[in-house]
Each structure stands twice: as C-alpha cells, then as structure tokens.
Protein backbone atom coordinates (compact mmCIF):
# COMPACT_ATOMS: atom_id res chain seq x y z
CA UNK A 1 -113.78 316.67 226.97
CA UNK A 2 -117.00 316.22 228.98
CA UNK A 3 -119.98 314.07 228.08
CA UNK A 4 -123.23 315.96 227.39
CA UNK A 5 -124.80 314.49 230.54
CA UNK A 6 -121.97 315.97 232.64
CA UNK A 7 -122.49 319.39 231.06
CA UNK A 8 -126.26 319.18 231.66
CA UNK A 9 -125.82 318.44 235.38
CA UNK A 10 -123.27 321.26 235.62
CA UNK A 11 -125.41 323.86 233.84
CA UNK A 12 -128.79 322.82 235.27
CA UNK A 13 -128.28 321.07 238.61
CA UNK A 14 -131.57 319.95 240.15
CA UNK A 15 -130.32 319.57 243.71
CA UNK A 16 -128.20 322.67 244.28
CA UNK A 17 -128.69 324.44 247.60
CA UNK A 18 -128.82 323.56 251.27
CA UNK A 19 -131.74 322.07 253.20
CA UNK A 20 -132.63 324.31 256.12
CA UNK A 21 -132.66 322.37 259.40
CA UNK A 22 -131.35 319.32 257.58
CA UNK A 23 -131.55 315.92 259.23
CA UNK A 24 -127.94 315.26 258.26
CA UNK A 25 -124.97 317.20 256.90
CA UNK A 26 -121.76 315.93 255.40
CA UNK A 27 -118.79 317.85 254.07
CA UNK A 28 -115.88 316.49 252.10
CA UNK A 29 -112.96 318.24 250.47
CA UNK A 30 -109.79 317.56 248.61
CA UNK A 31 -106.94 319.98 249.21
CA UNK A 32 -105.12 318.60 246.18
CA UNK A 33 -107.71 319.84 243.70
CA UNK A 34 -109.59 322.42 245.80
CA UNK A 35 -113.05 320.80 245.52
CA UNK A 36 -115.26 321.13 248.61
CA UNK A 37 -118.75 319.61 248.84
CA UNK A 38 -121.54 319.93 251.39
CA UNK A 39 -124.45 317.50 251.17
CA UNK A 40 -127.58 317.95 253.30
CA UNK A 41 -130.38 315.40 253.56
CA UNK A 42 -133.97 315.17 254.77
CA UNK A 43 -134.97 311.70 256.03
CA UNK A 44 -138.39 310.23 256.73
CA UNK A 45 -139.15 306.60 257.56
CA UNK A 46 -135.52 305.58 256.93
CA UNK A 47 -135.71 306.98 253.38
CA UNK A 48 -133.95 310.03 251.94
CA UNK A 49 -136.76 312.36 250.92
CA UNK A 50 -134.54 315.20 249.71
CA UNK A 51 -130.85 315.89 249.17
CA UNK A 52 -129.11 319.13 248.28
CA UNK A 53 -125.52 320.10 247.68
CA UNK A 54 -123.24 323.11 247.71
CA UNK A 55 -120.00 322.57 245.86
CA UNK A 56 -117.00 324.72 245.28
CA UNK A 57 -115.20 323.07 242.43
CA UNK A 58 -114.88 322.21 238.78
CA UNK A 59 -117.47 321.08 236.22
CA UNK A 60 -117.06 317.43 237.20
CA UNK A 61 -117.35 318.19 240.93
CA UNK A 62 -120.61 320.09 240.49
CA UNK A 63 -122.09 317.54 238.09
CA UNK A 64 -121.15 314.57 240.27
CA UNK A 65 -122.55 316.30 243.40
CA UNK A 66 -125.87 316.75 241.62
CA UNK A 67 -125.86 313.11 240.54
CA UNK A 68 -125.07 311.87 244.05
CA UNK A 69 -128.15 313.71 245.33
CA UNK A 70 -130.24 312.43 242.41
CA UNK A 71 -129.21 308.85 243.13
CA UNK A 72 -129.81 309.19 246.88
CA UNK A 73 -133.35 310.61 246.83
CA UNK A 74 -135.92 307.87 247.31
CA UNK A 75 -133.41 305.35 248.61
CA UNK A 76 -133.30 303.91 252.11
CA UNK A 77 -130.32 304.93 254.20
CA UNK A 78 -128.79 301.50 253.66
CA UNK A 79 -129.24 301.71 249.89
CA UNK A 80 -127.74 305.21 249.82
CA UNK A 81 -124.76 304.10 251.92
CA UNK A 82 -124.19 301.29 249.42
CA UNK A 83 -123.86 303.71 246.48
CA UNK A 84 -120.43 303.53 244.90
CA UNK A 85 -118.32 305.99 242.97
CA UNK A 86 -118.83 303.82 239.91
CA UNK A 87 -122.61 304.43 240.17
CA UNK A 88 -121.96 308.16 239.70
CA UNK A 89 -119.55 307.57 236.83
CA UNK A 90 -121.97 305.18 235.12
CA UNK A 91 -124.86 307.65 235.54
CA UNK A 92 -122.86 310.48 234.00
CA UNK A 93 -121.80 308.32 231.10
CA UNK A 94 -118.19 309.37 231.09
CA UNK A 95 -115.77 311.38 233.18
CA UNK A 96 -112.18 312.10 232.22
CA UNK A 97 -109.88 309.87 234.27
CA UNK A 98 -108.31 312.91 235.92
CA UNK A 99 -111.77 313.90 237.26
CA UNK A 100 -112.82 310.54 238.75
CA UNK A 101 -111.88 311.75 242.24
CA UNK A 102 -114.84 314.17 242.10
CA UNK A 103 -117.33 311.31 242.23
CA UNK A 104 -115.49 309.90 245.25
CA UNK A 105 -115.89 313.20 247.12
CA UNK A 106 -119.64 313.36 246.49
CA UNK A 107 -120.23 309.83 247.73
CA UNK A 108 -118.07 310.53 250.81
CA UNK A 109 -120.08 313.68 251.61
CA UNK A 110 -123.35 311.75 251.30
CA UNK A 111 -122.09 309.02 253.63
CA UNK A 112 -121.04 311.66 256.16
CA UNK A 113 -124.52 313.23 255.97
CA UNK A 114 -126.10 309.83 256.66
CA UNK A 115 -123.69 309.20 259.54
CA UNK A 116 -124.55 312.66 260.92
CA UNK A 117 -128.27 311.86 260.71
CA UNK A 118 -127.78 308.55 262.52
CA UNK A 119 -125.64 310.18 265.22
CA UNK A 120 -128.23 312.90 265.76
CA UNK A 121 -131.01 310.33 265.91
CA UNK A 122 -129.17 308.25 268.52
CA UNK A 123 -128.23 311.24 270.68
CA UNK A 124 -131.69 312.76 270.27
CA UNK A 125 -130.19 316.01 269.07
CA UNK A 126 -132.85 318.10 267.39
CA UNK A 127 -132.46 319.75 264.00
CA UNK A 128 -132.50 323.15 265.69
CA UNK A 129 -129.68 322.16 268.07
CA UNK A 130 -127.73 320.67 265.17
CA UNK A 131 -127.98 323.91 263.22
CA UNK A 132 -126.75 326.03 266.11
CA UNK A 133 -123.89 323.68 266.84
CA UNK A 134 -125.07 323.14 270.45
C-alpha cells in the first residue's frame, strides 16, 4: 500500500521532536481523520536552520511531517512558504489517494510556524515569552 520511501520516513523520521524555545510554532489538525501536527522552526538570517515535528496520526501523516521538515531546512522563509503539497507527494514517491490530505496538513503547519515567527519578530516577542504564552 505504501511506497518504501513513505515507510522509511515513518520508521526512521529524522526531524521528530520539538525545538525548545522555537522561533516559530504551527499546529494543524483534521478532525475528520484525527491527524494533528505541530511543527517548530529555528530561523537565522531569514533561513530555516532546523525544523521538528510532533504528529499524532497515521503512517502517511508521520512520513509527510518528516518530509515537510526535510524540505524546509535550508530554505529561506519565502522558499519554505512556497512549498506545495505536491512537493511532499513527489518527494515521497507515492501516497494512496485517501492519504493525500496528510501532506496538506504538514504544509499548513509549516506555514503557520513561519507566520508565528514573523508575528513574533514584528511584535518583538522573545522566544521565552512565546514559550510561556505571555
């Protein structure tokens, strides 16, 4: 059912976890399927230096979350915002049609993390304040 690349990213995700004092956080979920994703990013000089994810979901949700982070690291914020769901699907090689929505969730969480970073940068909110919710 799943391509070997999907299984590899599910079994051995490289970007699983959460960045402490992240520069940006984005969460996306789908009540229909129960998948929930959190993406955290570290940004330096307008470039994503690191990205991590925590995902509650199926094989495709976990694999696509890992790929979203993989694709984002090293990209400028603008390049990362321009990533499309099809980029995730193409990277994985093949996703069953019923699981395509998982790639959409990962991209949406990444975009929310970038928006959060930009909002925090504009407001001058520090990472410590962001973490505490103040």
